[in-house]
């Protein structure tokens, strides 16, 4: 753990409040060389209504915070190679595949996702994964 981990996770928690999702709000920051190069929160794709659930079930096209942050950095022309991803919930397996392909080398999270297959895949790929406790 480095001295900025708790600060960046706290910032990701604040960023999560931008989400319109009712079931769970998740925020993510991509940090490289001590600079935030991208951010994201879970929600519907650009141009869609800001309603994430229907009858208490998350709509299938809702994007996770990590996917939004990774696609945003790709559009910016920046590189996430070697970066750290701070995310309020541990990544699912689909986001973990994106994280690996984006060259992110470290993932720091605060809350457990209901499945741990994403974290297992990240570790298998050599990505450093760390859970931090936030007060």
Protein backbone atom coordinates (compact mmCIF):
# COMPACT_ATOMS: atom_id res chain seq x y z
CA UNK A 1 0.00 0.00 0.00
CA UNK A 2 1.28 3.45 -0.80
CA UNK A 3 0.44 6.63 1.05
CA UNK A 4 -2.00 7.82 -1.62
CA UNK A 5 -4.15 4.67 -1.81
CA UNK A 6 -6.67 5.75 0.83
CA UNK A 7 -6.94 9.22 -0.73
CA UNK A 8 -7.60 7.92 -4.24
CA UNK A 9 -10.13 5.37 -2.96
CA UNK A 10 -11.89 8.16 -1.07
CA UNK A 11 -11.97 10.19 -4.31
CA UNK A 12 -13.37 7.17 -6.19
CA UNK A 13 -16.12 6.92 -3.55
CA UNK A 14 -17.02 10.56 -4.13
CA UNK A 15 -16.99 9.99 -7.90
CA UNK A 16 -19.37 7.03 -7.46
CA UNK A 17 -22.05 9.45 -6.26
CA UNK A 18 -22.36 10.67 -9.87
CA UNK A 19 -23.95 7.33 -10.78
CA UNK A 20 -27.71 7.22 -11.32
CA UNK A 21 -27.76 3.53 -10.37
CA UNK A 22 -29.86 2.74 -7.32
CA UNK A 23 -28.67 -0.80 -6.49
CA UNK A 24 -24.99 0.12 -6.22
CA UNK A 25 -22.94 3.18 -7.08
CA UNK A 26 -19.37 2.41 -8.14
CA UNK A 27 -16.58 4.85 -8.94
CA UNK A 28 -13.18 4.33 -10.56
CA UNK A 29 -10.03 6.37 -11.12
CA UNK A 30 -7.02 5.48 -13.26
CA UNK A 31 -3.83 6.97 -11.87
CA UNK A 32 -0.44 7.07 -13.56
CA UNK A 33 2.64 8.90 -12.32
CA UNK A 34 0.56 10.38 -9.46
CA UNK A 35 -1.90 11.95 -11.93
CA UNK A 36 -5.51 10.97 -12.47
CA UNK A 37 -5.68 10.18 -16.19
CA UNK A 38 -9.26 8.91 -16.26
CA UNK A 39 -12.36 8.43 -14.17
CA UNK A 40 -15.61 6.56 -14.45
CA UNK A 41 -18.75 5.49 -12.65
CA UNK A 42 -21.35 2.89 -13.46
CA UNK A 43 -24.24 3.92 -15.67
CA UNK A 44 -25.89 3.71 -19.05
CA UNK A 45 -24.02 4.47 -22.29
CA UNK A 46 -23.84 8.07 -23.57
CA UNK A 47 -27.12 9.20 -25.07
CA UNK A 48 -29.23 6.69 -23.11
CA UNK A 49 -31.67 7.54 -20.33
CA UNK A 50 -30.03 7.74 -16.90
CA UNK A 51 -32.04 4.84 -15.49
CA UNK A 52 -29.94 1.80 -14.60
CA UNK A 53 -32.58 -0.57 -13.27
CA UNK A 54 -35.93 -1.86 -14.38
CA UNK A 55 -38.16 -3.65 -11.86
CA UNK A 56 -35.20 -3.83 -9.46
CA UNK A 57 -32.91 -5.52 -11.99
CA UNK A 58 -29.89 -3.80 -13.55
CA UNK A 59 -30.34 -3.30 -17.29
CA UNK A 60 -27.95 -5.47 -19.33
CA UNK A 61 -26.37 -2.51 -21.11
CA UNK A 62 -25.27 -0.65 -17.97
CA UNK A 63 -21.50 -0.10 -18.04
CA UNK A 64 -19.35 -0.72 -15.00
CA UNK A 65 -17.17 2.07 -13.61
CA UNK A 66 -13.96 0.35 -14.71
CA UNK A 67 -15.20 -0.06 -18.30
CA UNK A 68 -16.19 3.61 -18.43
CA UNK A 69 -12.79 4.73 -17.09
CA UNK A 70 -10.88 2.48 -19.52
CA UNK A 71 -12.90 3.57 -22.56
CA UNK A 72 -12.53 7.21 -21.52
CA UNK A 73 -8.74 6.96 -21.30
CA UNK A 74 -8.68 5.22 -24.70
CA UNK A 75 -10.62 8.12 -26.25
CA UNK A 76 -8.27 10.65 -24.64
CA UNK A 77 -5.15 9.31 -26.33
CA UNK A 78 -3.46 8.69 -22.97
CA UNK A 79 -1.99 5.29 -22.16
CA UNK A 80 -3.04 3.28 -19.12
CA UNK A 81 0.02 1.04 -19.49
CA UNK A 82 1.50 0.56 -16.01
CA UNK A 83 -1.25 2.55 -14.28
CA UNK A 84 -3.16 1.85 -11.08
CA UNK A 85 -6.95 1.50 -11.08
CA UNK A 86 -8.76 2.57 -7.93
CA UNK A 87 -12.31 1.22 -7.79
CA UNK A 88 -14.85 1.13 -5.00
CA UNK A 89 -15.89 -2.51 -5.70
CA UNK A 90 -13.64 -5.39 -6.73
CA UNK A 91 -13.79 -5.91 -10.51
CA UNK A 92 -16.02 -8.51 -12.14
CA UNK A 93 -14.50 -10.94 -14.63
CA UNK A 94 -15.52 -8.87 -17.68
CA UNK A 95 -13.92 -5.71 -16.31
CA UNK A 96 -10.86 -7.70 -15.26
CA UNK A 97 -10.33 -8.75 -18.87
CA UNK A 98 -10.44 -5.07 -19.91
CA UNK A 99 -8.04 -4.13 -17.10
CA UNK A 100 -5.52 -6.74 -18.25
CA UNK A 101 -5.79 -5.67 -21.90
CA UNK A 102 -5.43 -1.99 -20.94
CA UNK A 103 -2.03 -2.70 -19.36
CA UNK A 104 -3.11 -1.66 -15.87
CA UNK A 105 -0.61 -3.22 -13.45
CA UNK A 106 -2.29 -2.60 -10.09
CA UNK A 107 -5.88 -2.57 -8.83
CA UNK A 108 -6.89 -1.16 -5.46
CA UNK A 109 -10.47 -1.63 -4.24
CA UNK A 110 -12.46 -1.15 -1.04
CA UNK A 111 -15.61 -3.33 -1.27
CA UNK A 112 -16.04 -6.94 -2.33
CA UNK A 113 -18.11 -7.71 -5.44
CA UNK A 114 -20.41 -10.73 -4.99
CA UNK A 115 -18.06 -12.90 -7.08
CA UNK A 116 -14.28 -13.08 -6.79
CA UNK A 117 -13.50 -14.56 -10.23
CA UNK A 118 -12.40 -11.13 -11.51
CA UNK A 119 -9.81 -10.73 -8.75
CA UNK A 120 -8.59 -14.29 -9.33
CA UNK A 121 -8.14 -13.59 -13.06
CA UNK A 122 -6.22 -10.36 -12.36
CA UNK A 123 -3.85 -12.18 -10.02
CA UNK A 124 -3.38 -14.97 -12.54
CA UNK A 125 -2.36 -12.32 -15.10
CA UNK A 126 0.20 -10.85 -12.70
CA UNK A 127 -1.79 -7.73 -11.84
CA UNK A 128 -1.21 -6.61 -8.26
CA UNK A 129 -4.54 -6.52 -6.41
CA UNK A 130 -5.03 -4.93 -3.02
CA UNK A 131 -8.06 -4.33 -0.83
CA UNK A 132 -7.99 -1.24 1.38
CA UNK A 133 -10.21 -0.50 4.33
CA UNK A 134 -11.84 2.92 4.19
CA UNK A 135 -13.16 4.60 7.27
